[in-house]
Amino acid sequence: MSAEPELKIVEPARKKGRSVILLALVGLVVMGGAGGGVWWWFQRGTAVAEAAPNEPALEKRGLLTFEPFMVNLADEGGTRFLKATIALVVEDEAVAKQLEEAAVVKSRVRSDILELLTEQQASALVTPEGKESLKSAIKARTAQALESKKVIDVLFSEFVVQF
């Protein structure tokens, strides 16, 4: 009788060091992401707070309103038009009242806006970027007529482009 040796299958020992290192790396990535998120959140809050340090609070601002504008646009053929109701946000109610009562100044501002609107093309006005660009242009153009008064924002309460 020959005795056959028993073969035992021996599994290699697991390397615990690898899994600990992998776990530590995953932990570092998660903590780094969380730290970056917290940093971004606080930076965002600081940037918003610093964006308008000298501007008055929203409830203290004044509003200079205009009758709706209806203009032909600068597109070829002259068949497209824009109807927009626009208001200018100014520093405070006293400034808004002063501008409202100064008929010549208000008419000059309305005329400047009207001229600017007639220079626009329909394809640009229907995009969000086009509307933002128009707001910036209105602020810049009206600043000349209002001299020392500051236009803080331009609001559209109606904006229809006919194609």
Protein backbone atom coordinates (compact mmCIF):
# COMPACT_ATOMS: atom_id res chain seq x y z
CA MET A 1 0.00 0.00 0.00
CA SER A 2 1.41 3.12 -0.97
CA ALA A 3 0.36 6.12 0.87
CA GLU A 4 -0.52 8.92 -1.39
CA PRO A 5 0.28 12.24 0.05
CA GLU A 6 -2.70 14.48 0.62
CA LEU A 7 -2.65 17.61 -1.40
CA LYS A 8 -3.84 20.62 0.39
CA ILE A 9 -4.76 23.73 -1.46
CA VAL A 10 -3.27 26.66 0.27
CA GLU A 11 -4.72 30.05 -0.51
CA PRO A 12 -2.30 32.90 -0.46
CA ALA A 13 -2.65 35.14 2.55
CA ARG A 14 -4.64 38.30 1.92
CA LYS A 15 -2.72 41.46 1.96
CA LYS A 16 -4.42 43.61 4.55
CA GLY A 17 -2.11 46.48 3.83
CA ARG A 18 -3.61 47.02 0.36
CA SER A 19 -7.20 47.29 1.53
CA VAL A 20 -6.24 49.68 4.34
CA ILE A 21 -4.41 51.93 1.88
CA LEU A 22 -7.33 51.80 -0.56
CA LEU A 23 -9.79 52.66 2.20
CA ALA A 24 -7.59 55.55 3.34
CA LEU A 25 -7.37 56.91 -0.22
CA VAL A 26 -11.15 56.75 -0.66
CA GLY A 27 -11.57 58.54 2.67
CA LEU A 28 -9.15 61.27 1.63
CA VAL A 29 -10.97 61.81 -1.67
CA VAL A 30 -14.35 62.05 0.09
CA MET A 31 -13.00 64.43 2.73
CA GLY A 32 -11.27 66.55 0.08
CA GLY A 33 -14.50 66.79 -1.91
CA ALA A 34 -16.47 67.76 1.17
CA GLY A 35 -13.86 70.38 2.10
CA GLY A 36 -13.91 71.77 -1.45
CA GLY A 37 -17.69 71.93 -1.33
CA VAL A 38 -17.66 73.85 1.96
CA TRP A 39 -15.02 76.25 0.60
CA TRP A 40 -17.08 76.83 -2.58
CA TRP A 41 -20.26 77.45 -0.54
CA PHE A 42 -18.61 80.09 1.63
CA GLN A 43 -16.84 81.72 -1.32
CA ARG A 44 -20.17 81.91 -3.20
CA GLY A 45 -21.82 83.59 -0.23
CA THR A 46 -18.96 86.07 0.08
CA ALA A 47 -19.03 86.86 -3.65
CA VAL A 48 -22.77 87.54 -3.53
CA ALA A 49 -22.34 89.80 -0.50
CA GLU A 50 -19.48 91.71 -2.14
CA ALA A 51 -21.22 92.08 -5.52
CA ALA A 52 -23.21 95.12 -4.45
CA PRO A 53 -21.66 96.67 -1.36
CA ASN A 54 -22.91 100.24 -1.96
CA GLU A 55 -26.32 99.47 -3.41
CA PRO A 56 -29.36 100.10 -1.24
CA ALA A 57 -31.57 97.30 0.02
CA LEU A 58 -34.19 96.05 -2.40
CA GLU A 59 -37.12 97.54 -0.48
CA LYS A 60 -35.52 101.02 -0.49
CA ARG A 61 -35.00 101.22 -4.26
CA GLY A 62 -37.24 103.20 -6.56
CA LEU A 63 -38.85 102.29 -9.85
CA LEU A 64 -39.11 104.52 -12.92
CA THR A 65 -41.79 103.03 -15.17
CA PHE A 66 -42.63 103.70 -18.80
CA GLU A 67 -45.61 103.09 -21.04
CA PRO A 68 -45.08 99.94 -23.16
CA PHE A 69 -42.68 100.26 -26.09
CA MET A 70 -43.79 98.99 -29.52
CA VAL A 71 -41.03 99.19 -32.15
CA ASN A 72 -40.08 97.80 -35.52
CA LEU A 73 -36.87 95.81 -35.30
CA ALA A 74 -33.83 96.21 -37.54
CA ASP A 75 -34.40 92.89 -39.34
CA GLU A 76 -34.50 92.80 -43.15
CA GLY A 77 -37.92 93.49 -44.54
CA GLY A 78 -39.00 95.48 -41.48
CA THR A 79 -41.82 93.07 -40.63
CA ARG A 80 -40.70 92.08 -37.14
CA PHE A 81 -41.54 94.07 -34.06
CA LEU A 82 -40.99 94.13 -30.33
CA LYS A 83 -43.44 95.02 -27.59
CA ALA A 84 -41.76 95.54 -24.23
CA THR A 85 -42.72 97.08 -20.93
CA ILE A 86 -39.60 98.34 -19.22
CA ALA A 87 -38.88 99.79 -15.78
CA LEU A 88 -35.63 101.16 -14.43
CA VAL A 89 -34.60 100.40 -10.85
CA VAL A 90 -32.97 103.47 -9.30
CA GLU A 91 -31.29 104.21 -5.98
CA ASP A 92 -34.39 105.09 -3.92
CA GLU A 93 -38.00 106.23 -4.04
CA ALA A 94 -37.04 109.91 -3.83
CA VAL A 95 -34.90 109.65 -6.97
CA ALA A 96 -37.70 107.76 -8.76
CA LYS A 97 -40.23 110.46 -7.82
CA GLN A 98 -37.85 113.21 -8.89
CA LEU A 99 -37.33 111.55 -12.30
CA GLU A 100 -41.04 110.87 -12.70
CA GLU A 101 -41.80 114.59 -12.21
CA ALA A 102 -39.01 115.77 -14.55
CA ALA A 103 -40.94 115.35 -17.80
CA VAL A 104 -38.06 116.36 -20.08
CA VAL A 105 -35.61 113.95 -18.43
CA LYS A 106 -38.11 111.08 -18.50
CA SER A 107 -38.93 111.77 -22.16
CA ARG A 108 -35.22 111.86 -23.00
CA VAL A 109 -34.68 108.49 -21.27
CA ARG A 110 -37.70 107.01 -23.09
CA SER A 111 -36.38 108.32 -26.41
CA ASP A 112 -32.94 106.80 -25.74
CA ILE A 113 -34.50 103.43 -24.96
CA LEU A 114 -36.72 103.64 -28.04
CA GLU A 115 -33.73 104.37 -30.30
CA LEU A 116 -31.82 101.48 -28.78
CA LEU A 117 -34.72 99.05 -29.24
CA THR A 118 -35.09 99.90 -32.94
CA GLU A 119 -31.43 98.92 -33.51
CA GLN A 120 -32.05 95.33 -32.31
CA GLN A 121 -32.67 92.19 -34.35
CA ALA A 122 -35.29 89.59 -33.45
CA SER A 123 -32.89 86.63 -33.54
CA ALA A 124 -30.71 88.20 -30.83
CA LEU A 125 -33.58 89.29 -28.60
CA VAL A 126 -35.11 85.83 -28.23
CA THR A 127 -32.04 84.43 -26.46
CA PRO A 128 -31.31 84.91 -22.75
CA GLU A 129 -27.92 86.39 -23.68
CA GLY A 130 -29.61 88.85 -26.03
CA LYS A 131 -31.95 90.06 -23.31
CA GLU A 132 -29.05 90.48 -20.85
CA SER A 133 -27.08 92.37 -23.48
CA LEU A 134 -30.08 94.63 -24.09
CA LYS A 135 -30.41 95.30 -20.36
CA SER A 136 -26.74 96.32 -20.19
CA ALA A 137 -27.12 98.56 -23.23
CA ILE A 138 -30.20 100.25 -21.72
CA LYS A 139 -28.32 100.88 -18.46
CA ALA A 140 -25.39 102.41 -20.34
CA ARG A 141 -27.54 104.54 -22.66
CA THR A 142 -29.81 105.87 -19.91
CA ALA A 143 -26.85 106.73 -17.67
CA GLN A 144 -26.02 109.60 -20.02
CA ALA A 145 -29.50 111.14 -19.73
CA LEU A 146 -29.76 110.60 -15.97
CA GLU A 147 -26.33 112.14 -15.28
CA SER A 148 -25.69 111.60 -11.56
CA LYS A 149 -28.57 109.16 -10.98
CA LYS A 150 -27.63 105.50 -11.05
CA VAL A 151 -29.69 102.82 -12.79
CA ILE A 152 -29.24 99.67 -10.72
CA ASP A 153 -31.26 97.30 -12.89
CA VAL A 154 -33.53 97.11 -15.91
CA LEU A 155 -36.71 95.08 -15.58
CA PHE A 156 -38.89 93.66 -18.35
CA SER A 157 -42.48 93.01 -17.29
CA GLU A 158 -43.55 92.27 -20.88
CA PHE A 159 -41.30 91.19 -23.74
CA VAL A 160 -42.85 89.94 -26.99
CA VAL A 161 -40.96 89.52 -30.25
CA GLN A 162 -43.16 89.00 -33.32
CA PHE A 163 -41.68 86.86 -36.09
